[in-house]
Amino acid sequence: MVFFDIISGNLNIKVIRAKDGYIHDILHVDESFNITNALATEKKIEDPEEEFHLRLKKIELENIDVYKLNESNGMKIASYIDDAQISLEKSNEHVFASVDTDFRLNVISNEDTAWFKNKHVHGHLEIDCDKTKDFLVLYPSEIFVEEATFNGEGSIDI
């Protein structure tokens, strides 16, 4: 059954696990991302319904360094993910995402980390994007930064 799903362009992935690695993401001055550019295709999509469909149920990250650079302003974000569990559910009407994570965060502006240096962050977030109504819902969620707790819930008309 899996073979026929793959050759028909319909792939369901239950879990992607990454351990002891890194992700470098660069936002170029032209507002393109290095990762998007690397995965881009020159083939024009004639019919999106005939293209490859991917459903990703869960991502598990452990000991992953994430580095993000904005080339236009020099802002750098370096995070060291100890553990993250990310779930994505997608239908024609909704995109639901849930994130549970523990990481350390550095924000570097003009080579200065004084603003946000090696802060321990723990978070649980759940969002639902209703594509039919252009509406984003943040379910009761919380983020802990060092000794501070941030709780939130609400919605945004996008």
Protein backbone atom coordinates (compact mmCIF):
# COMPACT_ATOMS: atom_id res chain seq x y z
CA MET A 1 0.00 0.00 0.00
CA VAL A 2 2.83 2.47 0.80
CA PHE A 3 4.43 1.94 -2.62
CA PHE A 4 1.22 2.98 -4.41
CA ASP A 5 0.81 6.03 -2.16
CA ILE A 6 4.35 7.19 -3.01
CA ILE A 7 4.07 6.72 -6.78
CA SER A 8 0.67 8.42 -6.80
CA GLY A 9 2.22 11.47 -5.10
CA ASN A 10 0.27 11.06 -1.86
CA LEU A 11 2.54 10.56 1.15
CA ASN A 12 1.61 10.49 4.83
CA ILE A 13 4.49 10.81 7.27
CA LYS A 14 3.72 9.91 10.86
CA VAL A 15 6.95 11.12 12.52
CA ILE A 16 10.15 12.87 11.53
CA ARG A 17 12.84 12.67 14.21
CA ALA A 18 15.99 14.78 14.19
CA LYS A 19 18.71 14.54 16.81
CA ASP A 20 22.07 16.26 17.27
CA GLY A 21 22.01 18.54 14.24
CA TYR A 22 21.57 22.09 13.05
CA ILE A 23 19.39 24.25 10.81
CA HIS A 24 20.73 27.44 9.24
CA ASP A 25 18.03 29.72 7.82
CA ILE A 26 18.97 32.91 5.99
CA LEU A 27 16.53 35.62 4.91
CA HIS A 28 18.22 37.28 1.96
CA VAL A 29 17.91 40.97 1.09
CA ASP A 30 15.47 40.04 -1.74
CA GLU A 31 13.27 38.43 0.98
CA SER A 32 13.88 34.89 -0.25
CA PHE A 33 15.02 32.15 2.13
CA ASN A 34 18.05 29.95 1.49
CA ILE A 35 16.03 26.81 2.29
CA THR A 36 13.21 27.78 -0.08
CA ASN A 37 15.70 28.59 -2.82
CA ALA A 38 17.41 25.23 -2.37
CA LEU A 39 14.12 23.34 -2.69
CA ALA A 40 12.65 25.46 -5.51
CA THR A 41 11.85 23.91 -8.86
CA GLU A 42 11.97 25.58 -12.24
CA LYS A 43 9.13 23.41 -13.51
CA LYS A 44 5.89 25.34 -13.74
CA ILE A 45 3.03 23.70 -11.85
CA GLU A 46 0.28 23.10 -14.38
CA ASP A 47 -2.29 21.61 -12.03
CA PRO A 48 -1.72 21.77 -8.27
CA GLU A 49 -4.07 18.80 -7.78
CA GLU A 50 -1.63 16.60 -9.70
CA GLU A 51 1.40 17.60 -7.66
CA PHE A 52 2.97 15.71 -4.80
CA HIS A 53 0.95 15.85 -1.55
CA LEU A 54 2.66 15.51 1.81
CA ARG A 55 1.00 15.18 5.20
CA LEU A 56 3.25 15.50 8.22
CA LYS A 57 1.74 14.45 11.52
CA LYS A 58 4.63 15.04 13.95
CA ILE A 59 8.16 16.40 14.17
CA GLU A 60 10.41 15.51 17.11
CA LEU A 61 13.59 17.51 17.62
CA GLU A 62 16.32 16.81 20.16
CA ASN A 63 19.59 18.74 20.57
CA ILE A 64 19.16 20.86 17.44
CA ASP A 65 20.85 24.23 16.90
CA VAL A 66 18.78 26.68 14.86
CA TYR A 67 20.46 29.75 13.43
CA LYS A 68 18.52 32.47 11.60
CA LEU A 69 20.06 35.49 9.91
CA ASN A 70 18.27 38.47 8.39
CA GLU A 71 20.76 39.84 5.84
CA SER A 72 19.00 43.20 5.47
CA ASN A 73 19.37 44.26 9.12
CA GLY A 74 22.01 41.84 10.44
CA MET A 75 19.68 40.48 13.15
CA LYS A 76 20.64 36.95 14.22
CA ILE A 77 18.66 34.48 16.27
CA ALA A 78 20.42 31.45 17.68
CA SER A 79 18.40 28.85 19.52
CA TYR A 80 19.48 25.54 20.96
CA ILE A 81 16.54 23.18 21.05
CA ASP A 82 16.80 20.64 23.85
CA ASP A 83 13.45 19.04 22.98
CA ALA A 84 10.51 19.89 20.73
CA GLN A 85 7.35 18.06 19.76
CA ILE A 86 5.52 19.63 16.83
CA SER A 87 2.23 18.36 15.43
CA LEU A 88 0.66 19.53 12.20
CA GLU A 89 -2.79 18.59 10.97
CA LYS A 90 -4.02 19.95 7.67
CA SER A 91 -7.35 19.74 5.91
CA ASN A 92 -8.90 21.80 3.13
CA GLU A 93 -10.41 24.14 5.73
CA HIS A 94 -7.91 24.17 8.61
CA VAL A 95 -4.25 24.02 9.56
CA PHE A 96 -3.79 23.05 13.20
CA ALA A 97 -0.39 23.24 14.88
CA SER A 98 0.72 22.26 18.37
CA VAL A 99 4.20 22.91 19.77
CA ASP A 100 5.75 21.76 23.05
CA THR A 101 9.36 22.84 23.38
CA ASP A 102 12.33 23.54 25.64
CA PHE A 103 15.16 25.65 24.25
CA ARG A 104 17.73 28.36 24.94
CA LEU A 105 17.52 31.58 22.95
CA ASN A 106 19.96 34.32 21.92
CA VAL A 107 18.96 37.38 19.93
CA ILE A 108 21.95 39.17 18.44
CA SER A 109 21.57 42.70 17.11
CA ASN A 110 24.63 44.67 15.96
CA GLU A 111 26.78 41.86 17.45
CA ASP A 112 25.23 42.59 20.88
CA THR A 113 23.43 39.91 22.92
CA ALA A 114 22.59 42.16 25.88
CA TRP A 115 18.90 42.21 25.02
CA PHE A 116 18.29 38.43 25.00
CA LYS A 117 21.20 36.17 25.93
CA ASN A 118 20.96 32.45 26.73
CA LYS A 119 17.37 32.66 27.96
CA HIS A 120 15.72 29.36 28.84
CA VAL A 121 12.33 29.04 27.19
CA HIS A 122 9.65 26.41 27.67
CA GLY A 123 6.47 26.68 25.70
CA HIS A 124 3.20 25.06 24.80
CA LEU A 125 1.27 26.63 21.91
CA GLU A 126 -1.77 25.50 19.97
CA ILE A 127 -3.11 27.35 16.95
CA ASP A 128 -5.80 26.72 14.38
CA CYS A 129 -5.90 28.59 11.09
CA ASP A 130 -9.35 28.49 9.49
CA LYS A 131 -8.55 28.99 5.81
CA THR A 132 -12.20 29.39 4.80
CA LYS A 133 -12.75 32.36 7.14
CA ASP A 134 -9.15 33.73 7.19
CA PHE A 135 -9.20 33.39 10.96
CA LEU A 136 -6.41 32.35 13.33
CA VAL A 137 -7.21 31.00 16.79
CA LEU A 138 -4.63 30.76 19.58
CA TYR A 139 -5.89 28.23 22.12
CA PRO A 140 -4.91 28.67 25.80
CA SER A 141 -1.13 28.55 25.59
CA GLU A 142 1.81 29.46 27.76
CA ILE A 143 5.44 30.38 27.39
CA PHE A 144 7.95 30.44 30.25
CA VAL A 145 11.03 32.63 29.80
CA GLU A 146 13.38 32.16 32.74
CA GLU A 147 11.16 33.08 35.73
CA ALA A 148 8.42 34.85 33.75
CA THR A 149 5.23 33.22 32.50
CA PHE A 150 3.23 34.45 29.53
CA ASN A 151 -0.28 33.07 29.02
CA GLY A 152 -2.47 33.86 26.08
CA GLU A 153 -5.43 32.93 24.00
CA GLY A 154 -7.49 34.69 21.40
CA SER A 155 -8.12 35.07 17.73
CA ILE A 156 -7.02 37.19 14.79
CA ASP A 157 -9.02 38.00 11.69
CA ILE A 158 -6.39 37.60 8.98
